[in-house]
Amino acid sequence: MTNLAATTPVRPRHTSLAPIIDMVDVVTSRLNAWGAPVLQLGMRLWMAKVFFTSGLTKIQDWDTTVLLFADEYKVPLLPPEVAATLGTMFELGMPVLLVIGLFSRLAALPLLGMALVIQFVLGAANPSYDSVEHFYWMFLLLAIVVHGPGSLSLDGVLRHRLPR
């Protein structure tokens, strides 16, 4: 005697749901087609604003910036002048790349590194730098690194225009 249940394919009970499932798939794919690039652009613009604003603050009074890196920020392994220069260069340069969407994954990496240092190095030494906002920055920057800048970027345009 054979086991009929083991040889009979399992069919969905509610085949009447197939049109609804198809409609949800169409809506979801259309949302992804335009929504994902807009979301990726928003993430890039938001992170660019955060870091560019900080960079502008640093160049307004360079002596104070270097003093902050010597006394307050104390980045390990780097002299204050070097840390201030690198930090300011990254905060002013990488956001420009994020806004135009050029080398976006690469541009997000130093900003991600800065967010990690702010949260885990400075935050360990000074509780006022321990903020959940830094985790949001890290997630958004990591999403840019992992998923890329999207089609609303120079990276996206170049990817479609350049021969493979």
N, C-alpha and C. Protein backbone atom coordinates (compact mmCIF):
# COMPACT_ATOMS: atom_id res chain seq x y z
N MET A 1 0.85 -1.17 0.00
CA MET A 1 0.00 0.00 0.00
C MET A 1 0.90 1.24 0.00
N THR A 2 0.59 2.19 -0.87
CA THR A 2 1.42 3.40 -0.97
C THR A 2 0.80 4.52 -0.17
N ASN A 3 1.67 5.42 0.23
CA ASN A 3 1.21 6.57 0.98
C ASN A 3 0.82 7.65 -0.02
N LEU A 4 -0.46 7.84 -0.20
CA LEU A 4 -0.98 8.77 -1.19
C LEU A 4 -0.61 10.22 -0.85
N ALA A 5 -0.58 10.57 0.43
CA ALA A 5 -0.27 11.93 0.84
C ALA A 5 1.15 12.31 0.47
N ALA A 6 2.08 11.35 0.48
CA ALA A 6 3.47 11.64 0.17
C ALA A 6 3.69 11.84 -1.32
N THR A 7 2.86 11.28 -2.16
CA THR A 7 3.06 11.39 -3.60
C THR A 7 2.19 12.47 -4.25
N THR A 8 1.17 12.95 -3.57
CA THR A 8 0.29 13.96 -4.14
C THR A 8 0.88 15.35 -3.86
N PRO A 9 1.02 16.16 -4.92
CA PRO A 9 1.56 17.51 -4.67
C PRO A 9 0.59 18.32 -3.83
N VAL A 10 1.16 19.16 -2.98
CA VAL A 10 0.34 20.00 -2.12
C VAL A 10 -0.09 21.23 -2.94
N ARG A 11 -1.38 21.48 -2.98
CA ARG A 11 -1.91 22.63 -3.70
C ARG A 11 -2.44 23.64 -2.69
N PRO A 12 -2.27 24.89 -3.00
CA PRO A 12 -2.83 25.90 -2.08
C PRO A 12 -4.35 25.77 -2.01
N ARG A 13 -4.88 25.96 -0.84
CA ARG A 13 -6.32 25.84 -0.65
C ARG A 13 -7.06 27.02 -1.27
N HIS A 14 -6.44 28.19 -1.22
CA HIS A 14 -7.11 29.42 -1.64
C HIS A 14 -6.55 29.89 -2.98
N THR A 15 -6.88 29.18 -4.03
CA THR A 15 -6.41 29.59 -5.36
C THR A 15 -7.07 30.90 -5.79
N SER A 16 -8.13 31.30 -5.11
CA SER A 16 -8.78 32.56 -5.42
C SER A 16 -7.93 33.75 -4.97
N LEU A 17 -6.89 33.52 -4.18
CA LEU A 17 -6.00 34.59 -3.74
C LEU A 17 -4.94 34.92 -4.78
N ALA A 18 -4.80 34.10 -5.80
CA ALA A 18 -3.75 34.32 -6.80
C ALA A 18 -3.83 35.70 -7.45
N PRO A 19 -5.01 36.20 -7.84
CA PRO A 19 -5.05 37.55 -8.43
C PRO A 19 -4.62 38.64 -7.44
N ILE A 20 -4.97 38.45 -6.19
CA ILE A 20 -4.59 39.43 -5.17
C ILE A 20 -3.07 39.40 -4.97
N ILE A 21 -2.52 38.21 -4.93
CA ILE A 21 -1.07 38.07 -4.78
C ILE A 21 -0.35 38.69 -5.98
N ASP A 22 -0.88 38.45 -7.17
CA ASP A 22 -0.29 39.05 -8.38
C ASP A 22 -0.36 40.57 -8.32
N MET A 23 -1.48 41.12 -7.86
CA MET A 23 -1.63 42.56 -7.76
C MET A 23 -0.65 43.15 -6.74
N VAL A 24 -0.50 42.48 -5.61
CA VAL A 24 0.46 42.93 -4.60
C VAL A 24 1.88 42.90 -5.16
N ASP A 25 2.21 41.87 -5.93
CA ASP A 25 3.53 41.79 -6.55
C ASP A 25 3.77 42.95 -7.52
N VAL A 26 2.76 43.30 -8.32
CA VAL A 26 2.89 44.41 -9.27
C VAL A 26 3.08 45.73 -8.52
N VAL A 27 2.26 45.96 -7.50
CA VAL A 27 2.36 47.19 -6.72
C VAL A 27 3.72 47.28 -6.04
N THR A 28 4.16 46.17 -5.46
CA THR A 28 5.45 46.14 -4.78
C THR A 28 6.59 46.41 -5.75
N SER A 29 6.54 45.82 -6.92
CA SER A 29 7.62 46.04 -7.88
C SER A 29 7.63 47.49 -8.38
N ARG A 30 6.46 48.09 -8.55
CA ARG A 30 6.42 49.51 -8.96
C ARG A 30 6.92 50.42 -7.86
N LEU A 31 6.56 50.12 -6.61
CA LEU A 31 7.08 50.90 -5.49
C LEU A 31 8.60 50.79 -5.41
N ASN A 32 9.11 49.59 -5.60
CA ASN A 32 10.56 49.40 -5.59
C ASN A 32 11.23 50.13 -6.74
N ALA A 33 10.58 50.17 -7.89
CA ALA A 33 11.17 50.78 -9.08
C ALA A 33 11.41 52.28 -8.89
N TRP A 34 10.47 52.97 -8.26
CA TRP A 34 10.68 54.41 -8.06
C TRP A 34 10.98 54.74 -6.62
N GLY A 35 10.48 53.98 -5.69
CA GLY A 35 10.67 54.27 -4.26
C GLY A 35 12.08 54.03 -3.77
N ALA A 36 12.68 52.94 -4.21
CA ALA A 36 14.04 52.63 -3.74
C ALA A 36 15.05 53.71 -4.15
N PRO A 37 15.05 54.17 -5.42
CA PRO A 37 16.00 55.24 -5.77
C PRO A 37 15.76 56.53 -4.98
N VAL A 38 14.50 56.87 -4.73
CA VAL A 38 14.20 58.08 -3.96
C VAL A 38 14.68 57.91 -2.51
N LEU A 39 14.46 56.74 -1.95
CA LEU A 39 14.93 56.46 -0.60
C LEU A 39 16.46 56.52 -0.53
N GLN A 40 17.13 55.93 -1.52
CA GLN A 40 18.59 55.96 -1.54
C GLN A 40 19.12 57.38 -1.69
N LEU A 41 18.46 58.19 -2.51
CA LEU A 41 18.84 59.59 -2.64
C LEU A 41 18.65 60.32 -1.31
N GLY A 42 17.54 60.07 -0.66
CA GLY A 42 17.28 60.69 0.64
C GLY A 42 18.33 60.33 1.67
N MET A 43 18.73 59.08 1.70
CA MET A 43 19.78 58.66 2.65
C MET A 43 21.08 59.38 2.36
N ARG A 44 21.44 59.47 1.08
CA ARG A 44 22.69 60.15 0.71
C ARG A 44 22.64 61.62 1.08
N LEU A 45 21.52 62.28 0.79
CA LEU A 45 21.40 63.71 1.09
C LEU A 45 21.42 63.98 2.59
N TRP A 46 20.75 63.13 3.34
CA TRP A 46 20.70 63.32 4.80
C TRP A 46 22.09 63.18 5.41
N MET A 47 22.80 62.13 5.03
CA MET A 47 24.14 61.92 5.58
C MET A 47 25.10 63.01 5.12
N ALA A 48 24.94 63.47 3.89
CA ALA A 48 25.78 64.56 3.39
C ALA A 48 25.56 65.82 4.21
N LYS A 49 24.31 66.13 4.52
CA LYS A 49 24.00 67.32 5.31
C LYS A 49 24.62 67.24 6.69
N VAL A 50 24.48 66.10 7.34
CA VAL A 50 25.00 65.94 8.70
C VAL A 50 26.51 66.20 8.73
N PHE A 51 27.24 65.55 7.84
CA PHE A 51 28.70 65.65 7.89
C PHE A 51 29.22 66.95 7.30
N PHE A 52 28.59 67.46 6.24
CA PHE A 52 29.05 68.70 5.63
C PHE A 52 28.87 69.87 6.61
N THR A 53 27.75 69.90 7.31
CA THR A 53 27.51 70.94 8.32
C THR A 53 28.58 70.90 9.39
N SER A 54 28.94 69.71 9.82
CA SER A 54 29.99 69.58 10.83
C SER A 54 31.34 70.07 10.28
N GLY A 55 31.63 69.76 9.03
CA GLY A 55 32.87 70.22 8.42
C GLY A 55 32.92 71.73 8.31
N LEU A 56 31.79 72.35 7.95
CA LEU A 56 31.75 73.80 7.87
C LEU A 56 32.01 74.45 9.23
N THR A 57 31.48 73.83 10.27
CA THR A 57 31.72 74.34 11.62
C THR A 57 33.21 74.28 11.96
N LYS A 58 33.86 73.20 11.54
CA LYS A 58 35.28 73.04 11.85
C LYS A 58 36.15 74.09 11.17
N ILE A 59 35.83 74.46 9.92
CA ILE A 59 36.69 75.42 9.22
C ILE A 59 36.41 76.86 9.61
N GLN A 60 35.34 77.12 10.35
CA GLN A 60 35.05 78.49 10.78
C GLN A 60 36.09 79.00 11.76
N ASP A 61 36.61 78.12 12.60
CA ASP A 61 37.64 78.53 13.56
C ASP A 61 38.61 77.36 13.71
N TRP A 62 39.62 77.37 12.85
CA TRP A 62 40.53 76.23 12.78
C TRP A 62 41.30 76.01 14.08
N ASP A 63 41.72 77.08 14.74
CA ASP A 63 42.48 76.94 15.99
C ASP A 63 41.64 76.22 17.05
N THR A 64 40.38 76.58 17.13
CA THR A 64 39.48 75.92 18.09
C THR A 64 39.28 74.45 17.70
N THR A 65 39.19 74.18 16.41
CA THR A 65 39.02 72.81 15.94
C THR A 65 40.20 71.95 16.37
N VAL A 66 41.41 72.44 16.14
CA VAL A 66 42.60 71.68 16.53
C VAL A 66 42.63 71.51 18.05
N LEU A 67 42.26 72.54 18.77
CA LEU A 67 42.20 72.44 20.24
C LEU A 67 41.18 71.39 20.67
N LEU A 68 40.04 71.34 20.01
CA LEU A 68 39.03 70.31 20.33
C LEU A 68 39.58 68.91 20.08
N PHE A 69 40.31 68.73 18.98
CA PHE A 69 40.90 67.42 18.70
C PHE A 69 42.00 67.08 19.70
N ALA A 70 42.64 68.09 20.28
CA ALA A 70 43.69 67.84 21.28
C ALA A 70 43.09 67.51 22.63
N ASP A 71 42.00 68.18 23.01
CA ASP A 71 41.47 68.04 24.36
C ASP A 71 40.19 67.22 24.46
N GLU A 72 39.28 67.42 23.52
CA GLU A 72 37.96 66.83 23.63
C GLU A 72 37.83 65.55 22.82
N TYR A 73 38.18 65.59 21.53
CA TYR A 73 37.94 64.46 20.63
C TYR A 73 38.98 63.36 20.80
N LYS A 74 40.23 63.72 20.96
CA LYS A 74 41.33 62.78 21.22
C LYS A 74 41.22 61.47 20.43
N VAL A 75 41.37 61.58 19.14
CA VAL A 75 41.33 60.39 18.29
C VAL A 75 42.62 59.61 18.52
N PRO A 76 42.51 58.30 18.81
CA PRO A 76 43.71 57.52 19.11
C PRO A 76 44.64 57.42 17.89
N LEU A 77 45.92 57.37 18.15
CA LEU A 77 46.98 57.13 17.17
C LEU A 77 47.27 58.31 16.24
N LEU A 78 46.51 59.37 16.30
CA LEU A 78 46.74 60.50 15.40
C LEU A 78 46.99 61.78 16.19
N PRO A 79 47.99 62.55 15.78
CA PRO A 79 48.17 63.87 16.40
C PRO A 79 46.94 64.74 16.13
N PRO A 80 46.62 65.66 17.01
CA PRO A 80 45.41 66.47 16.85
C PRO A 80 45.33 67.21 15.51
N GLU A 81 46.45 67.74 15.02
CA GLU A 81 46.43 68.48 13.75
C GLU A 81 46.06 67.54 12.59
N VAL A 82 46.63 66.35 12.61
CA VAL A 82 46.34 65.37 11.55
C VAL A 82 44.89 64.91 11.63
N ALA A 83 44.44 64.59 12.83
CA ALA A 83 43.06 64.14 13.01
C ALA A 83 42.07 65.23 12.59
N ALA A 84 42.35 66.47 12.96
CA ALA A 84 41.47 67.59 12.59
C ALA A 84 41.45 67.77 11.08
N THR A 85 42.61 67.69 10.45
CA THR A 85 42.68 67.87 9.00
C THR A 85 41.95 66.75 8.27
N LEU A 86 42.24 65.51 8.65
CA LEU A 86 41.57 64.37 8.00
C LEU A 86 40.06 64.41 8.22
N GLY A 87 39.66 64.64 9.46
CA GLY A 87 38.23 64.68 9.77
C GLY A 87 37.51 65.76 8.97
N THR A 88 38.12 66.93 8.89
CA THR A 88 37.50 68.03 8.17
C THR A 88 37.47 67.76 6.67
N MET A 89 38.55 67.21 6.14
CA MET A 89 38.57 66.87 4.71
C MET A 89 37.49 65.85 4.37
N PHE A 90 37.36 64.83 5.22
CA PHE A 90 36.32 63.82 4.97
C PHE A 90 34.93 64.42 5.10
N GLU A 91 34.73 65.29 6.10
CA GLU A 91 33.41 65.88 6.31
C GLU A 91 33.01 66.86 5.21
N LEU A 92 33.97 67.45 4.55
CA LEU A 92 33.66 68.38 3.47
C LEU A 92 33.69 67.72 2.09
N GLY A 93 34.53 66.72 1.91
CA GLY A 93 34.68 66.08 0.60
C GLY A 93 33.70 64.95 0.33
N MET A 94 33.56 64.06 1.28
CA MET A 94 32.71 62.88 1.06
C MET A 94 31.24 63.23 0.86
N PRO A 95 30.70 64.23 1.57
CA PRO A 95 29.30 64.60 1.32
C PRO A 95 29.05 65.09 -0.11
N VAL A 96 30.02 65.78 -0.69
CA VAL A 96 29.85 66.23 -2.08
C VAL A 96 29.70 65.01 -2.99
N LEU A 97 30.53 64.00 -2.76
CA LEU A 97 30.43 62.77 -3.56
C LEU A 97 29.08 62.07 -3.32
N LEU A 98 28.61 62.09 -2.08
CA LEU A 98 27.31 61.47 -1.79
C LEU A 98 26.17 62.21 -2.49
N VAL A 99 26.21 63.54 -2.48
CA VAL A 99 25.13 64.32 -3.09
C VAL A 99 25.04 64.04 -4.58
N ILE A 100 26.18 64.04 -5.27
CA ILE A 100 26.13 63.79 -6.71
C ILE A 100 26.08 62.30 -7.03
N GLY A 101 26.34 61.48 -6.02
CA GLY A 101 26.25 60.04 -6.22
C GLY A 101 27.42 59.47 -7.01
N LEU A 102 28.60 60.01 -6.79
CA LEU A 102 29.79 59.53 -7.48
C LEU A 102 30.70 58.83 -6.46
N PHE A 103 31.09 57.61 -6.77
CA PHE A 103 31.89 56.78 -5.85
C PHE A 103 31.23 56.74 -4.46
N SER A 104 29.93 56.60 -4.46
CA SER A 104 29.14 56.72 -3.22
C SER A 104 29.50 55.69 -2.17
N ARG A 105 29.68 54.46 -2.59
CA ARG A 105 30.03 53.42 -1.62
C ARG A 105 31.36 53.75 -0.95
N LEU A 106 32.31 54.15 -1.75
CA LEU A 106 33.62 54.52 -1.23
C LEU A 106 33.53 55.76 -0.35
N ALA A 107 32.72 56.74 -0.74
CA ALA A 107 32.56 57.97 0.03
C ALA A 107 31.90 57.72 1.39
N ALA A 108 31.03 56.74 1.45
CA ALA A 108 30.34 56.44 2.71
C ALA A 108 31.26 55.77 3.74
N LEU A 109 32.30 55.10 3.28
CA LEU A 109 33.17 54.36 4.20
C LEU A 109 33.88 55.23 5.24
N PRO A 110 34.56 56.33 4.86
CA PRO A 110 35.20 57.13 5.90
C PRO A 110 34.19 57.78 6.85
N LEU A 111 33.01 58.12 6.32
CA LEU A 111 31.98 58.69 7.20
C LEU A 111 31.46 57.64 8.17
N LEU A 112 31.34 56.42 7.70
CA LEU A 112 30.97 55.32 8.59
C LEU A 112 32.05 55.12 9.66
N GLY A 113 33.31 55.19 9.25
CA GLY A 113 34.41 55.09 10.21
C GLY A 113 34.36 56.20 11.24
N MET A 114 34.05 57.41 10.79
CA MET A 114 33.94 58.54 11.73
C MET A 114 32.80 58.33 12.71
N ALA A 115 31.66 57.85 12.22
CA ALA A 115 30.52 57.60 13.10
C ALA A 115 30.87 56.53 14.13
N LEU A 116 31.61 55.51 13.71
CA LEU A 116 32.04 54.46 14.64
C LEU A 116 32.97 55.04 15.71
N VAL A 117 33.90 55.88 15.30
CA VAL A 117 34.82 56.50 16.27
C VAL A 117 34.06 57.41 17.22
N ILE A 118 33.14 58.21 16.67
CA ILE A 118 32.36 59.12 17.53
C ILE A 118 31.61 58.32 18.59
N GLN A 119 30.95 57.23 18.17
CA GLN A 119 30.13 56.48 19.10
C GLN A 119 30.95 55.64 20.07
N PHE A 120 31.93 54.89 19.55
CA PHE A 120 32.57 53.88 20.39
C PHE A 120 33.89 54.31 21.01
N VAL A 121 34.56 55.29 20.42
CA VAL A 121 35.80 55.78 21.04
C VAL A 121 35.49 57.00 21.89
N LEU A 122 34.92 58.02 21.25
CA LEU A 122 34.60 59.23 22.01
C LEU A 122 33.46 58.96 23.00
N GLY A 123 32.49 58.17 22.58
CA GLY A 123 31.37 57.85 23.47
C GLY A 123 31.79 57.04 24.69
N ALA A 124 32.84 56.24 24.54
CA ALA A 124 33.35 55.48 25.70
C ALA A 124 34.04 56.40 26.69
N ALA A 125 34.68 57.46 26.18
CA ALA A 125 35.40 58.38 27.05
C ALA A 125 34.50 59.48 27.61
N ASN A 126 33.45 59.84 26.87
CA ASN A 126 32.58 60.94 27.28
C ASN A 126 31.13 60.57 26.96
N PRO A 127 30.30 60.38 27.98
CA PRO A 127 28.92 59.96 27.75
C PRO A 127 28.10 60.90 26.87
N SER A 128 28.52 62.15 26.75
CA SER A 128 27.75 63.07 25.91
C SER A 128 27.87 62.72 24.42
N TYR A 129 28.87 61.90 24.05
CA TYR A 129 29.01 61.46 22.66
C TYR A 129 28.34 60.10 22.43
N ASP A 130 27.79 59.52 23.46
CA ASP A 130 27.09 58.24 23.35
C ASP A 130 25.64 58.55 22.97
N SER A 131 25.30 58.38 21.69
CA SER A 131 23.98 58.78 21.21
C SER A 131 23.43 57.75 20.23
N VAL A 132 22.15 57.51 20.34
CA VAL A 132 21.49 56.58 19.41
C VAL A 132 21.52 57.14 17.99
N GLU A 133 21.62 58.45 17.85
CA GLU A 133 21.67 59.08 16.53
C GLU A 133 22.86 58.56 15.72
N HIS A 134 23.96 58.30 16.39
CA HIS A 134 25.14 57.78 15.68
C HIS A 134 24.86 56.41 15.09
N PHE A 135 24.04 55.62 15.75
CA PHE A 135 23.67 54.31 15.21
C PHE A 135 22.82 54.48 13.94
N TYR A 136 21.94 55.48 13.94
CA TYR A 136 21.16 55.75 12.73
C TYR A 136 22.09 56.12 11.58
N TRP A 137 23.07 56.96 11.87
CA TRP A 137 24.04 57.33 10.84
C TRP A 137 24.74 56.08 10.31
N MET A 138 25.17 55.22 11.24
CA MET A 138 25.89 54.01 10.83
C MET A 138 25.01 53.13 9.95
N PHE A 139 23.74 52.96 10.31
CA PHE A 139 22.84 52.14 9.50
C PHE A 139 22.63 52.73 8.10
N LEU A 140 22.42 54.05 8.04
CA LEU A 140 22.22 54.69 6.74
C LEU A 140 23.48 54.60 5.88
N LEU A 141 24.62 54.87 6.47
CA LEU A 141 25.88 54.78 5.71
C LEU A 141 26.17 53.34 5.28
N LEU A 142 25.88 52.40 6.16
CA LEU A 142 26.08 51.00 5.80
C LEU A 142 25.14 50.58 4.67
N ALA A 143 23.92 51.10 4.68
CA ALA A 143 22.98 50.81 3.58
C ALA A 143 23.52 51.35 2.26
N ILE A 144 24.15 52.52 2.29
CA ILE A 144 24.75 53.07 1.07
C ILE A 144 25.89 52.18 0.60
N VAL A 145 26.71 51.73 1.53
CA VAL A 145 27.84 50.86 1.18
C VAL A 145 27.33 49.54 0.60
N VAL A 146 26.34 48.95 1.23
CA VAL A 146 25.86 47.63 0.83
C VAL A 146 25.00 47.69 -0.43
N HIS A 147 24.06 48.62 -0.48
CA HIS A 147 23.09 48.65 -1.59
C HIS A 147 23.46 49.63 -2.70
N GLY A 148 24.42 50.49 -2.44
CA GLY A 148 24.81 51.47 -3.44
C GLY A 148 23.94 52.70 -3.41
N PRO A 149 24.22 53.64 -4.30
CA PRO A 149 23.54 54.93 -4.28
C PRO A 149 22.20 54.94 -5.00
N GLY A 150 21.90 53.91 -5.76
CA GLY A 150 20.65 53.87 -6.52
C GLY A 150 20.80 54.50 -7.89
N SER A 151 19.72 54.48 -8.64
CA SER A 151 19.77 54.95 -10.03
C SER A 151 19.77 56.47 -10.14
N LEU A 152 19.37 57.18 -9.07
CA LEU A 152 19.40 58.65 -9.09
C LEU A 152 20.76 59.14 -8.61
N SER A 153 21.79 58.72 -9.32
CA SER A 153 23.16 59.06 -8.95
C SER A 153 24.03 58.99 -10.20
N LEU A 154 25.18 59.64 -10.14
CA LEU A 154 26.12 59.51 -11.25
C LEU A 154 26.62 58.07 -11.35
N ASP A 155 26.80 57.42 -10.22
CA ASP A 155 27.20 56.01 -10.26
C ASP A 155 26.18 55.19 -11.05
N GLY A 156 24.89 55.43 -10.80
CA GLY A 156 23.83 54.70 -11.51
C GLY A 156 23.82 55.01 -12.99
N VAL A 157 23.99 56.27 -13.33
CA VAL A 157 24.02 56.68 -14.75
C VAL A 157 25.22 56.05 -15.45
N LEU A 158 26.39 56.15 -14.82
CA LEU A 158 27.60 55.61 -15.43
C LEU A 158 27.53 54.09 -15.58
N ARG A 159 26.93 53.44 -14.61
CA ARG A 159 26.81 51.98 -14.67
C ARG A 159 26.01 51.54 -15.89
N HIS A 160 24.99 52.32 -16.25
CA HIS A 160 24.16 51.97 -17.40
C HIS A 160 24.75 52.43 -18.73
N ARG A 161 25.62 53.42 -18.69
CA ARG A 161 26.17 53.98 -19.93
C ARG A 161 27.50 53.34 -20.36
N LEU A 162 28.29 52.93 -19.37
CA LEU A 162 29.60 52.40 -19.70
C LEU A 162 29.50 50.96 -20.19
N PRO A 163 30.29 50.61 -21.20
CA PRO A 163 30.26 49.22 -21.66
C PRO A 163 30.86 48.30 -20.59
N ARG A 164 30.37 47.11 -20.56
CA ARG A 164 30.86 46.16 -19.55
C ARG A 164 32.03 45.39 -20.07
